[in-house]
Amino acid sequence: MNKDLLERRYKRIYNQLSDLLLKTNDRIARMATIVALLHHKMPHFFWTGFYRIVNGELIVGPYQGPLACQVLEKNKGVCWACINRRETIIVPDVEKFPGHIACDPRSRSEITVPLWEDNKVYGVLDVDSKELNAFCEIDRFWLEKIVKLL
């Protein structure tokens, strides 16, 4: 997808989510709405979901796509790296990421975005693609903006 089209699509999604998320303050319902809309509007998204820190474990939350790992091994993989580094991570080729956790071997690239509350990371938005190099700075910018709606 060209960058101009990607920008326009994210802007429409963001505006739609801004209205939809006014209907409830429930975080899980908002997560479910975000992943459903992103997953079905972004053709390069293969798996779209949230992982939440619950009692020190990273547990799957609302998601769209193939079956997910329910609990991610502590301090291993892209999601934990995102939490530990406290920053968005774009992985062009998951095979080259040390400690990558392959919940589905069809995933080729990934982006993870930290979720913040009171200056603490409480989870991540995790998006996988079946394409190599599927994510760019435009994805980073808009996904970081979208998770702030939570």
N, C-alpha and C. Protein backbone atom coordinates (compact mmCIF):
# COMPACT_ATOMS: atom_id res chain seq x y z
N MET A 1 0.86 -1.18 0.00
CA MET A 1 0.00 0.00 0.00
C MET A 1 0.90 1.24 0.00
N ASN A 2 0.57 2.21 -0.85
CA ASN A 2 1.43 3.40 -0.87
C ASN A 2 1.21 4.25 0.38
N LYS A 3 2.19 5.07 0.69
CA LYS A 3 2.19 5.81 1.97
C LYS A 3 1.05 6.80 2.09
N ASP A 4 0.67 7.43 0.99
CA ASP A 4 -0.43 8.39 1.03
C ASP A 4 -1.75 7.67 1.35
N LEU A 5 -1.97 6.55 0.70
CA LEU A 5 -3.17 5.75 0.96
C LEU A 5 -3.18 5.24 2.40
N LEU A 6 -2.02 4.80 2.89
CA LEU A 6 -1.90 4.32 4.26
C LEU A 6 -2.26 5.42 5.26
N GLU A 7 -1.73 6.62 5.05
CA GLU A 7 -2.05 7.77 5.92
C GLU A 7 -3.55 8.06 5.93
N ARG A 8 -4.15 8.10 4.75
CA ARG A 8 -5.58 8.40 4.66
C ARG A 8 -6.42 7.33 5.36
N ARG A 9 -6.03 6.07 5.18
CA ARG A 9 -6.78 4.98 5.80
C ARG A 9 -6.69 5.08 7.32
N TYR A 10 -5.48 5.30 7.85
CA TYR A 10 -5.33 5.44 9.30
C TYR A 10 -6.13 6.62 9.84
N LYS A 11 -6.13 7.72 9.11
CA LYS A 11 -6.88 8.89 9.57
C LYS A 11 -8.37 8.58 9.68
N ARG A 12 -8.92 7.88 8.67
CA ARG A 12 -10.34 7.48 8.72
C ARG A 12 -10.60 6.54 9.90
N ILE A 13 -9.71 5.57 10.11
CA ILE A 13 -9.87 4.62 11.21
C ILE A 13 -9.82 5.35 12.55
N TYR A 14 -8.87 6.26 12.69
CA TYR A 14 -8.73 7.02 13.94
C TYR A 14 -10.01 7.82 14.22
N ASN A 15 -10.51 8.49 13.21
CA ASN A 15 -11.74 9.28 13.40
C ASN A 15 -12.92 8.40 13.75
N GLN A 16 -13.03 7.26 13.11
CA GLN A 16 -14.12 6.32 13.41
C GLN A 16 -14.00 5.81 14.84
N LEU A 17 -12.78 5.42 15.24
CA LEU A 17 -12.57 4.93 16.62
C LEU A 17 -12.84 6.02 17.65
N SER A 18 -12.48 7.25 17.35
CA SER A 18 -12.73 8.35 18.29
C SER A 18 -14.20 8.46 18.64
N ASP A 19 -15.06 8.23 17.65
CA ASP A 19 -16.51 8.25 17.91
C ASP A 19 -16.98 6.97 18.60
N LEU A 20 -16.56 5.82 18.09
CA LEU A 20 -17.02 4.54 18.64
C LEU A 20 -16.65 4.36 20.11
N LEU A 21 -15.46 4.80 20.48
CA LEU A 21 -14.98 4.55 21.85
C LEU A 21 -15.62 5.45 22.89
N LEU A 22 -16.45 6.39 22.46
CA LEU A 22 -17.18 7.23 23.41
C LEU A 22 -18.32 6.48 24.08
N LYS A 23 -18.68 5.32 23.53
CA LYS A 23 -19.85 4.58 24.02
C LYS A 23 -19.63 3.88 25.35
N THR A 24 -18.35 3.63 25.72
CA THR A 24 -18.06 2.97 26.99
C THR A 24 -16.66 3.33 27.46
N ASN A 25 -16.48 3.28 28.76
CA ASN A 25 -15.15 3.45 29.35
C ASN A 25 -14.49 2.11 29.63
N ASP A 26 -15.17 1.01 29.34
CA ASP A 26 -14.62 -0.31 29.61
C ASP A 26 -13.43 -0.58 28.68
N ARG A 27 -12.27 -0.79 29.28
CA ARG A 27 -11.03 -0.95 28.51
C ARG A 27 -11.05 -2.18 27.60
N ILE A 28 -11.60 -3.29 28.08
CA ILE A 28 -11.63 -4.52 27.27
C ILE A 28 -12.54 -4.32 26.05
N ALA A 29 -13.69 -3.68 26.24
CA ALA A 29 -14.59 -3.40 25.12
C ALA A 29 -13.92 -2.48 24.11
N ARG A 30 -13.19 -1.50 24.60
CA ARG A 30 -12.47 -0.59 23.70
C ARG A 30 -11.38 -1.34 22.93
N MET A 31 -10.65 -2.22 23.63
CA MET A 31 -9.61 -3.02 22.96
C MET A 31 -10.23 -3.87 21.86
N ALA A 32 -11.35 -4.50 22.16
CA ALA A 32 -12.02 -5.36 21.18
C ALA A 32 -12.44 -4.56 19.95
N THR A 33 -12.94 -3.37 20.16
CA THR A 33 -13.38 -2.51 19.06
C THR A 33 -12.19 -2.08 18.21
N ILE A 34 -11.10 -1.69 18.87
CA ILE A 34 -9.89 -1.26 18.15
C ILE A 34 -9.36 -2.39 17.27
N VAL A 35 -9.20 -3.58 17.84
CA VAL A 35 -8.61 -4.67 17.05
C VAL A 35 -9.54 -5.11 15.92
N ALA A 36 -10.83 -5.13 16.15
CA ALA A 36 -11.76 -5.53 15.09
C ALA A 36 -11.68 -4.56 13.92
N LEU A 37 -11.69 -3.27 14.21
CA LEU A 37 -11.66 -2.29 13.14
C LEU A 37 -10.32 -2.33 12.40
N LEU A 38 -9.22 -2.32 13.14
CA LEU A 38 -7.90 -2.37 12.50
C LEU A 38 -7.74 -3.63 11.65
N HIS A 39 -8.10 -4.76 12.23
CA HIS A 39 -7.88 -6.04 11.55
C HIS A 39 -8.63 -6.12 10.22
N HIS A 40 -9.82 -5.57 10.19
CA HIS A 40 -10.64 -5.70 8.99
C HIS A 40 -10.44 -4.55 8.00
N LYS A 41 -9.80 -3.48 8.42
CA LYS A 41 -9.57 -2.34 7.52
C LYS A 41 -8.15 -2.28 6.97
N MET A 42 -7.21 -3.02 7.59
CA MET A 42 -5.81 -2.96 7.17
C MET A 42 -5.44 -4.30 6.51
N PRO A 43 -5.32 -4.33 5.19
CA PRO A 43 -5.12 -5.61 4.50
C PRO A 43 -3.82 -6.33 4.84
N HIS A 44 -2.82 -5.61 5.34
CA HIS A 44 -1.55 -6.27 5.68
C HIS A 44 -1.51 -6.79 7.11
N PHE A 45 -2.59 -6.62 7.88
CA PHE A 45 -2.65 -7.12 9.25
C PHE A 45 -3.13 -8.57 9.24
N PHE A 46 -2.30 -9.49 9.70
CA PHE A 46 -2.62 -10.91 9.75
C PHE A 46 -3.16 -11.30 11.13
N TRP A 47 -2.53 -10.78 12.18
CA TRP A 47 -2.97 -11.00 13.57
C TRP A 47 -2.92 -9.64 14.25
N THR A 48 -4.00 -9.29 14.92
CA THR A 48 -4.11 -7.98 15.54
C THR A 48 -4.68 -8.17 16.94
N GLY A 49 -3.94 -7.78 17.96
CA GLY A 49 -4.48 -7.99 19.30
C GLY A 49 -3.69 -7.30 20.39
N PHE A 50 -4.21 -7.48 21.58
CA PHE A 50 -3.59 -6.91 22.77
C PHE A 50 -3.08 -8.02 23.68
N TYR A 51 -1.98 -7.74 24.33
CA TYR A 51 -1.49 -8.55 25.45
C TYR A 51 -1.44 -7.63 26.66
N ARG A 52 -1.92 -8.13 27.79
CA ARG A 52 -1.99 -7.34 29.03
C ARG A 52 -1.13 -7.98 30.11
N ILE A 53 -0.50 -7.14 30.90
CA ILE A 53 0.25 -7.66 32.05
C ILE A 53 -0.75 -7.91 33.17
N VAL A 54 -0.84 -9.17 33.59
CA VAL A 54 -1.74 -9.57 34.67
C VAL A 54 -0.91 -10.39 35.65
N ASN A 55 -0.76 -9.88 36.87
CA ASN A 55 0.04 -10.56 37.90
C ASN A 55 1.43 -10.95 37.38
N GLY A 56 2.06 -10.03 36.66
CA GLY A 56 3.41 -10.25 36.18
C GLY A 56 3.53 -11.11 34.93
N GLU A 57 2.39 -11.61 34.42
CA GLU A 57 2.41 -12.42 33.20
C GLU A 57 1.81 -11.62 32.05
N LEU A 58 2.25 -11.93 30.84
CA LEU A 58 1.71 -11.27 29.66
C LEU A 58 0.66 -12.20 29.05
N ILE A 59 -0.61 -11.80 29.22
CA ILE A 59 -1.78 -12.62 28.88
C ILE A 59 -2.49 -12.01 27.68
N VAL A 60 -2.92 -12.87 26.76
CA VAL A 60 -3.63 -12.38 25.58
C VAL A 60 -4.94 -11.71 25.99
N GLY A 61 -5.24 -10.65 25.29
CA GLY A 61 -6.50 -9.94 25.46
C GLY A 61 -7.31 -10.07 24.18
N PRO A 62 -8.17 -9.11 23.90
CA PRO A 62 -8.95 -9.17 22.68
C PRO A 62 -8.05 -9.21 21.44
N TYR A 63 -8.41 -10.08 20.48
CA TYR A 63 -7.62 -10.17 19.25
C TYR A 63 -8.48 -10.67 18.11
N GLN A 64 -7.93 -10.48 16.89
CA GLN A 64 -8.53 -10.97 15.66
C GLN A 64 -7.43 -11.70 14.90
N GLY A 65 -7.77 -12.82 14.29
CA GLY A 65 -6.79 -13.58 13.53
C GLY A 65 -6.73 -15.00 14.04
N PRO A 66 -5.68 -15.74 13.62
CA PRO A 66 -5.55 -17.13 14.06
C PRO A 66 -5.30 -17.22 15.56
N LEU A 67 -5.43 -18.43 16.07
CA LEU A 67 -5.24 -18.70 17.48
C LEU A 67 -3.95 -18.09 18.01
N ALA A 68 -4.02 -17.50 19.19
CA ALA A 68 -2.88 -16.81 19.79
C ALA A 68 -2.27 -17.62 20.92
N CYS A 69 -1.02 -17.29 21.25
CA CYS A 69 -0.41 -17.80 22.48
C CYS A 69 -1.16 -17.13 23.64
N GLN A 70 -1.61 -17.92 24.61
CA GLN A 70 -2.36 -17.33 25.72
C GLN A 70 -1.47 -16.58 26.69
N VAL A 71 -0.29 -17.13 26.97
CA VAL A 71 0.66 -16.50 27.88
C VAL A 71 2.02 -16.48 27.18
N LEU A 72 2.66 -15.32 27.16
CA LEU A 72 3.98 -15.20 26.53
C LEU A 72 5.08 -15.34 27.58
N GLU A 73 6.05 -16.18 27.27
CA GLU A 73 7.16 -16.42 28.18
C GLU A 73 7.81 -15.11 28.60
N LYS A 74 8.04 -14.96 29.90
CA LYS A 74 8.55 -13.71 30.47
C LYS A 74 9.89 -13.32 29.84
N ASN A 75 9.97 -12.03 29.49
CA ASN A 75 11.20 -11.41 28.97
C ASN A 75 11.74 -12.07 27.71
N LYS A 76 10.83 -12.64 26.91
CA LYS A 76 11.21 -13.26 25.64
C LYS A 76 10.28 -12.73 24.56
N GLY A 77 10.79 -12.51 23.37
CA GLY A 77 9.96 -12.12 22.24
C GLY A 77 9.76 -10.62 22.11
N VAL A 78 9.06 -10.25 21.05
CA VAL A 78 8.88 -8.85 20.67
C VAL A 78 7.99 -8.11 21.68
N CYS A 79 6.93 -8.74 22.15
CA CYS A 79 6.02 -8.05 23.09
C CYS A 79 6.73 -7.69 24.40
N TRP A 80 7.48 -8.63 24.95
CA TRP A 80 8.22 -8.33 26.18
C TRP A 80 9.31 -7.30 25.93
N ALA A 81 9.95 -7.36 24.76
CA ALA A 81 10.96 -6.36 24.42
C ALA A 81 10.34 -4.96 24.40
N CYS A 82 9.14 -4.86 23.84
CA CYS A 82 8.41 -3.59 23.80
C CYS A 82 8.16 -3.07 25.22
N ILE A 83 7.73 -3.95 26.09
CA ILE A 83 7.46 -3.57 27.48
C ILE A 83 8.75 -3.16 28.18
N ASN A 84 9.78 -3.97 28.06
CA ASN A 84 11.03 -3.71 28.76
C ASN A 84 11.74 -2.46 28.25
N ARG A 85 11.66 -2.22 26.94
CA ARG A 85 12.29 -1.01 26.36
C ARG A 85 11.40 0.22 26.50
N ARG A 86 10.11 -0.03 26.75
CA ARG A 86 9.13 1.05 26.90
C ARG A 86 9.00 1.88 25.63
N GLU A 87 9.02 1.16 24.47
CA GLU A 87 8.91 1.85 23.19
C GLU A 87 8.33 0.92 22.14
N THR A 88 7.78 1.52 21.10
CA THR A 88 7.27 0.77 19.96
C THR A 88 8.44 0.08 19.26
N ILE A 89 8.20 -1.15 18.83
CA ILE A 89 9.22 -1.91 18.10
C ILE A 89 8.64 -2.37 16.77
N ILE A 90 9.37 -2.07 15.71
CA ILE A 90 9.03 -2.57 14.37
C ILE A 90 10.05 -3.64 14.02
N VAL A 91 9.56 -4.82 13.68
CA VAL A 91 10.43 -5.94 13.33
C VAL A 91 10.17 -6.30 11.86
N PRO A 92 11.11 -5.97 10.95
CA PRO A 92 10.91 -6.25 9.53
C PRO A 92 10.87 -7.74 9.20
N ASP A 93 11.62 -8.55 9.97
CA ASP A 93 11.69 -9.99 9.73
C ASP A 93 11.78 -10.68 11.09
N VAL A 94 10.69 -11.31 11.52
CA VAL A 94 10.66 -11.90 12.86
C VAL A 94 11.68 -13.02 13.04
N GLU A 95 12.07 -13.65 11.94
CA GLU A 95 13.07 -14.73 12.03
C GLU A 95 14.42 -14.20 12.53
N LYS A 96 14.65 -12.91 12.36
CA LYS A 96 15.93 -12.31 12.75
C LYS A 96 15.86 -11.63 14.11
N PHE A 97 14.71 -11.70 14.79
CA PHE A 97 14.58 -11.08 16.11
C PHE A 97 14.94 -12.11 17.18
N PRO A 98 15.97 -11.84 17.98
CA PRO A 98 16.40 -12.81 19.01
C PRO A 98 15.26 -13.15 19.98
N GLY A 99 14.98 -14.42 20.15
CA GLY A 99 13.96 -14.87 21.10
C GLY A 99 12.54 -14.72 20.61
N HIS A 100 12.35 -14.48 19.32
CA HIS A 100 10.99 -14.33 18.79
C HIS A 100 10.14 -15.54 19.16
N ILE A 101 8.90 -15.28 19.58
CA ILE A 101 7.95 -16.33 19.92
C ILE A 101 7.01 -16.50 18.73
N ALA A 102 7.04 -17.65 18.11
CA ALA A 102 6.22 -17.90 16.93
C ALA A 102 4.90 -18.55 17.33
N CYS A 103 3.88 -17.72 17.58
CA CYS A 103 2.55 -18.27 17.86
C CYS A 103 1.95 -18.84 16.59
N ASP A 104 2.29 -18.26 15.45
CA ASP A 104 1.86 -18.77 14.16
C ASP A 104 3.02 -18.60 13.18
N PRO A 105 3.49 -19.68 12.60
CA PRO A 105 4.68 -19.61 11.73
C PRO A 105 4.48 -18.79 10.45
N ARG A 106 3.23 -18.44 10.14
CA ARG A 106 2.98 -17.62 8.95
C ARG A 106 3.33 -16.15 9.16
N SER A 107 3.47 -15.73 10.42
CA SER A 107 3.84 -14.34 10.71
C SER A 107 5.27 -14.08 10.26
N ARG A 108 5.46 -13.00 9.52
CA ARG A 108 6.79 -12.69 8.98
C ARG A 108 7.36 -11.38 9.53
N SER A 109 6.48 -10.40 9.83
CA SER A 109 6.94 -9.14 10.41
C SER A 109 5.94 -8.71 11.48
N GLU A 110 6.35 -7.74 12.30
CA GLU A 110 5.54 -7.43 13.49
C GLU A 110 5.79 -6.00 13.94
N ILE A 111 4.78 -5.41 14.57
CA ILE A 111 4.93 -4.14 15.27
C ILE A 111 4.24 -4.28 16.62
N THR A 112 4.89 -3.79 17.67
CA THR A 112 4.30 -3.79 19.00
C THR A 112 4.35 -2.38 19.56
N VAL A 113 3.25 -1.96 20.19
CA VAL A 113 3.10 -0.61 20.72
C VAL A 113 2.75 -0.71 22.20
N PRO A 114 3.52 -0.05 23.07
CA PRO A 114 3.22 -0.13 24.50
C PRO A 114 1.94 0.62 24.87
N LEU A 115 1.25 0.10 25.88
CA LEU A 115 0.06 0.74 26.44
C LEU A 115 0.45 1.38 27.76
N TRP A 116 0.13 2.64 27.92
CA TRP A 116 0.56 3.40 29.10
C TRP A 116 -0.60 3.81 29.99
N GLU A 117 -0.35 3.74 31.30
CA GLU A 117 -1.27 4.29 32.29
C GLU A 117 -0.44 4.70 33.50
N ASP A 118 -0.59 5.95 33.93
CA ASP A 118 0.15 6.47 35.08
C ASP A 118 1.65 6.21 34.95
N ASN A 119 2.19 6.49 33.76
CA ASN A 119 3.63 6.33 33.51
C ASN A 119 4.14 4.90 33.60
N LYS A 120 3.23 3.92 33.55
CA LYS A 120 3.61 2.51 33.57
C LYS A 120 3.05 1.83 32.33
N VAL A 121 3.82 0.87 31.80
CA VAL A 121 3.34 0.07 30.69
C VAL A 121 2.49 -1.07 31.27
N TYR A 122 1.26 -1.22 30.79
CA TYR A 122 0.38 -2.28 31.30
C TYR A 122 0.07 -3.34 30.23
N GLY A 123 0.63 -3.17 29.03
CA GLY A 123 0.38 -4.13 27.97
C GLY A 123 0.90 -3.62 26.65
N VAL A 124 0.53 -4.34 25.57
CA VAL A 124 0.96 -3.94 24.23
C VAL A 124 -0.14 -4.22 23.21
N LEU A 125 -0.15 -3.41 22.16
CA LEU A 125 -0.87 -3.73 20.95
C LEU A 125 0.14 -4.46 20.07
N ASP A 126 -0.22 -5.62 19.60
CA ASP A 126 0.68 -6.46 18.80
C ASP A 126 0.01 -6.72 17.46
N VAL A 127 0.73 -6.42 16.37
CA VAL A 127 0.20 -6.67 15.03
C VAL A 127 1.24 -7.45 14.24
N ASP A 128 0.82 -8.54 13.63
CA ASP A 128 1.68 -9.36 12.79
C ASP A 128 1.19 -9.28 11.35
N SER A 129 2.13 -9.50 10.42
CA SER A 129 1.81 -9.56 9.00
C SER A 129 2.45 -10.80 8.40
N LYS A 130 1.82 -11.32 7.35
CA LYS A 130 2.41 -12.44 6.61
C LYS A 130 3.48 -11.94 5.64
N GLU A 131 3.62 -10.63 5.50
CA GLU A 131 4.59 -10.04 4.59
C GLU A 131 5.83 -9.59 5.37
N LEU A 132 7.00 -9.71 4.76
CA LEU A 132 8.21 -9.12 5.32
C LEU A 132 8.12 -7.60 5.18
N ASN A 133 8.75 -6.87 6.12
CA ASN A 133 8.81 -5.40 6.04
C ASN A 133 7.44 -4.75 5.87
N ALA A 134 6.44 -5.27 6.55
CA ALA A 134 5.07 -4.77 6.34
C ALA A 134 4.78 -3.46 7.07
N PHE A 135 5.61 -3.11 8.06
CA PHE A 135 5.30 -1.96 8.91
C PHE A 135 6.36 -0.87 8.77
N CYS A 136 5.89 0.38 8.90
CA CYS A 136 6.77 1.53 8.72
C CYS A 136 6.47 2.58 9.79
N GLU A 137 7.09 3.74 9.63
CA GLU A 137 6.89 4.83 10.60
C GLU A 137 5.46 5.36 10.59
N ILE A 138 4.78 5.23 9.49
CA ILE A 138 3.37 5.66 9.45
C ILE A 138 2.54 4.75 10.37
N ASP A 139 2.79 3.44 10.31
CA ASP A 139 2.10 2.52 11.22
C ASP A 139 2.41 2.88 12.66
N ARG A 140 3.69 3.12 12.95
CA ARG A 140 4.09 3.50 14.31
C ARG A 140 3.31 4.72 14.79
N PHE A 141 3.34 5.78 13.99
CA PHE A 141 2.69 7.04 14.38
C PHE A 141 1.22 6.83 14.69
N TRP A 142 0.49 6.19 13.77
CA TRP A 142 -0.96 6.06 13.94
C TRP A 142 -1.34 5.05 15.00
N LEU A 143 -0.62 3.95 15.10
CA LEU A 143 -0.95 2.96 16.14
C LEU A 143 -0.67 3.54 17.53
N GLU A 144 0.39 4.31 17.68
CA GLU A 144 0.65 4.97 18.97
C GLU A 144 -0.47 5.95 19.30
N LYS A 145 -0.95 6.65 18.29
CA LYS A 145 -2.06 7.61 18.50
C LYS A 145 -3.35 6.85 18.84
N ILE A 146 -3.59 5.75 18.15
CA ILE A 146 -4.82 4.97 18.39
C ILE A 146 -4.84 4.38 19.80
N VAL A 147 -3.73 3.83 20.29
CA VAL A 147 -3.77 3.22 21.62
C VAL A 147 -3.98 4.28 22.72
N LYS A 148 -3.69 5.52 22.43
CA LYS A 148 -3.97 6.58 23.42
C LYS A 148 -5.47 6.78 23.63
N LEU A 149 -6.28 6.29 22.69
CA LEU A 149 -7.73 6.38 22.85
C LEU A 149 -8.27 5.45 23.93
N LEU A 150 -7.46 4.47 24.34
CA LEU A 150 -7.91 3.54 25.38
C LEU A 150 -8.17 4.27 26.67
